């Protein structure tokens, strides 16, 4: 694929994972840019489209972790959530998912939005399958309880 096709093909996946980690638009955009810069600098060859997609997900996760662990990021206060969001980010479910701890947000996103199986998520996140399954189960319980709380208040 040529450069514009690569960006077009993986832009949603990279951005959504970055947003899931960073919880704000500007940091997600920075990670997005870094991921594609790395791709175009290295020009890696892949055996299949699955390996290519896995590479983009793994690099996105690594870039997010690097950003979140940077000394600059630890010293900066977020501006808040008064920024404009895209349509998908306006749903109540989205906000409930974003309120989950990071380890749960990532597995929920990869499982439900990217449609990866637990085995594949474990490989992408460098965790054991049982750990991913437990995180997914706990995330579901948290989501259910928080959504039930919201229903009781309405």
Protein backbone atom coordinates (compact mmCIF):
# COMPACT_ATOMS: atom_id res chain seq x y z
CA UNK A 1 0.00 0.00 0.00
CA UNK A 2 1.14 3.52 -0.57
CA UNK A 3 1.50 6.05 2.25
CA UNK A 4 -1.94 7.66 2.05
CA UNK A 5 -3.63 4.27 1.90
CA UNK A 6 -1.73 3.11 4.99
CA UNK A 7 -2.81 6.18 6.93
CA UNK A 8 -6.39 5.87 5.75
CA UNK A 9 -6.51 2.17 6.59
CA UNK A 10 -5.13 2.41 10.15
CA UNK A 11 -6.04 5.96 11.23
CA UNK A 12 -9.13 4.99 13.23
CA UNK A 13 -7.45 2.09 15.01
CA UNK A 14 -4.37 4.11 15.97
CA UNK A 15 -6.34 7.16 17.08
CA UNK A 16 -8.89 5.22 19.13
CA UNK A 17 -6.24 3.24 20.97
CA UNK A 18 -4.23 6.41 21.61
CA UNK A 19 -7.33 8.19 22.89
CA UNK A 20 -8.16 5.22 25.10
CA UNK A 21 -4.76 5.50 26.73
CA UNK A 22 -4.31 9.27 26.84
CA UNK A 23 -7.92 10.33 27.48
CA UNK A 24 -7.49 13.58 25.56
CA UNK A 25 -7.51 14.60 21.95
CA UNK A 26 -4.19 16.46 21.71
CA UNK A 27 -2.08 13.68 23.26
CA UNK A 28 -3.87 11.10 21.11
CA UNK A 29 -3.04 13.18 18.04
CA UNK A 30 0.62 13.39 19.11
CA UNK A 31 0.77 9.61 19.49
CA UNK A 32 -1.01 9.18 16.16
CA UNK A 33 1.62 11.30 14.46
CA UNK A 34 4.49 9.47 16.16
CA UNK A 35 3.16 6.04 15.13
CA UNK A 36 2.96 6.96 11.47
CA UNK A 37 6.33 8.69 11.56
CA UNK A 38 7.86 5.50 12.91
CA UNK A 39 6.17 3.49 10.21
CA UNK A 40 7.39 5.72 7.38
CA UNK A 41 10.91 5.93 8.78
CA UNK A 42 11.31 2.17 9.25
CA UNK A 43 9.14 0.96 6.36
CA UNK A 44 8.76 -2.50 7.94
CA UNK A 45 7.78 -5.47 5.77
CA UNK A 46 4.98 -7.71 7.00
CA UNK A 47 4.03 -11.28 6.16
CA UNK A 48 0.32 -10.52 6.29
CA UNK A 49 -2.19 -7.74 6.96
CA UNK A 50 -2.76 -9.22 10.43
CA UNK A 51 0.90 -8.70 11.32
CA UNK A 52 0.75 -5.19 9.94
CA UNK A 53 -2.30 -4.31 12.05
CA UNK A 54 -0.68 -5.90 15.11
CA UNK A 55 2.43 -3.78 14.51
CA UNK A 56 0.37 -0.59 14.45
CA UNK A 57 -1.45 -1.55 17.65
CA UNK A 58 1.76 -2.54 19.45
CA UNK A 59 3.59 0.64 18.41
CA UNK A 60 0.59 2.76 19.42
CA UNK A 61 0.51 1.15 22.86
CA UNK A 62 4.27 1.63 23.26
CA UNK A 63 4.09 5.29 22.21
CA UNK A 64 1.26 5.89 24.67
CA UNK A 65 3.17 4.27 27.50
CA UNK A 66 6.24 6.30 26.64
CA UNK A 67 4.20 9.51 26.69
CA UNK A 68 2.46 8.68 29.96
CA UNK A 69 5.76 7.79 31.65
CA UNK A 70 7.63 10.86 30.43
CA UNK A 71 8.70 13.37 33.05
CA UNK A 72 7.05 16.17 31.08
CA UNK A 73 3.68 14.42 31.14
CA UNK A 74 3.89 13.85 34.90
CA UNK A 75 4.38 17.57 35.52
CA UNK A 76 1.59 18.85 33.26
CA UNK A 77 -1.99 19.28 34.42
CA UNK A 78 -4.76 18.36 31.95
CA UNK A 79 -6.95 21.18 30.63
CA UNK A 80 -10.11 19.26 31.37
CA UNK A 81 -12.76 17.67 29.25
CA UNK A 82 -14.32 20.88 27.91
CA UNK A 83 -12.81 20.24 24.49
CA UNK A 84 -15.01 19.28 21.58
CA UNK A 85 -15.32 15.56 20.94
CA UNK A 86 -16.16 13.50 17.90
CA UNK A 87 -19.58 11.88 17.55
CA UNK A 88 -18.53 8.45 18.88
CA UNK A 89 -17.02 10.10 21.91
CA UNK A 90 -20.35 11.70 22.83
CA UNK A 91 -22.15 8.52 23.82
CA UNK A 92 -22.80 7.72 27.47
CA UNK A 93 -21.17 4.32 27.06
CA UNK A 94 -18.00 5.96 25.77
CA UNK A 95 -17.72 8.07 28.94
CA UNK A 96 -18.32 5.05 31.15
CA UNK A 97 -15.61 3.11 29.31
CA UNK A 98 -13.22 6.07 29.53
CA UNK A 99 -13.79 6.19 33.31
CA UNK A 100 -12.44 2.64 33.65
CA UNK A 101 -8.84 2.14 34.79
CA UNK A 102 -6.38 2.08 31.88
CA UNK A 103 -5.76 -1.66 31.96
CA UNK A 104 -9.49 -2.29 31.54
CA UNK A 105 -10.03 0.42 28.88
CA UNK A 106 -7.39 -1.10 26.64
CA UNK A 107 -8.73 -4.66 26.72
CA UNK A 108 -12.32 -3.45 26.23
CA UNK A 109 -11.28 -1.40 23.22
CA UNK A 110 -9.23 -4.18 21.64
CA UNK A 111 -11.90 -6.81 22.31
CA UNK A 112 -15.07 -4.93 21.35
CA UNK A 113 -13.94 -2.24 18.93
CA UNK A 114 -10.99 -3.92 17.20
CA UNK A 115 -12.56 -7.40 17.53
CA UNK A 116 -9.43 -9.15 18.74
CA UNK A 117 -9.64 -12.41 20.64
CA UNK A 118 -8.20 -12.74 24.13
CA UNK A 119 -5.21 -14.67 22.83
CA UNK A 120 -4.38 -11.90 20.36
CA UNK A 121 -4.85 -9.17 22.99
CA UNK A 122 -2.48 -11.03 25.30
CA UNK A 123 0.14 -11.10 22.57
CA UNK A 124 -0.33 -7.42 21.71
CA UNK A 125 -0.16 -6.24 25.32
CA UNK A 126 2.55 -8.68 26.46
CA UNK A 127 0.31 -10.22 29.10
CA UNK A 128 -0.89 -13.71 29.90
CA UNK A 129 -4.19 -14.81 28.40
CA UNK A 130 -5.62 -15.39 31.88
CA UNK A 131 -4.69 -11.83 32.85
CA UNK A 132 -6.46 -10.41 29.81
CA UNK A 133 -9.52 -12.60 30.43
CA UNK A 134 -9.64 -11.46 34.07
CA UNK A 135 -9.27 -7.81 33.09
CA UNK A 136 -12.05 -8.16 30.54
CA UNK A 137 -14.31 -9.87 33.08
CA UNK A 138 -13.65 -7.18 35.70
CA UNK A 139 -14.18 -4.43 33.13
CA UNK A 140 -17.55 -5.91 32.21
CA UNK A 141 -18.58 -6.01 35.88
CA UNK A 142 -17.53 -2.40 36.37
CA UNK A 143 -19.33 -1.31 33.22
CA UNK A 144 -22.48 -3.14 34.24
CA UNK A 145 -22.52 -1.67 37.74
CA UNK A 146 -21.82 1.87 36.52
CA UNK A 147 -24.45 1.66 33.81
CA UNK A 148 -26.97 0.26 36.31
CA UNK A 149 -26.18 3.18 38.65
CA UNK A 150 -26.84 5.61 35.81
CA UNK A 151 -30.17 3.93 35.06
CA UNK A 152 -31.24 4.21 38.70
CA UNK A 153 -30.61 7.97 38.67
CA UNK A 154 -32.67 8.55 35.52
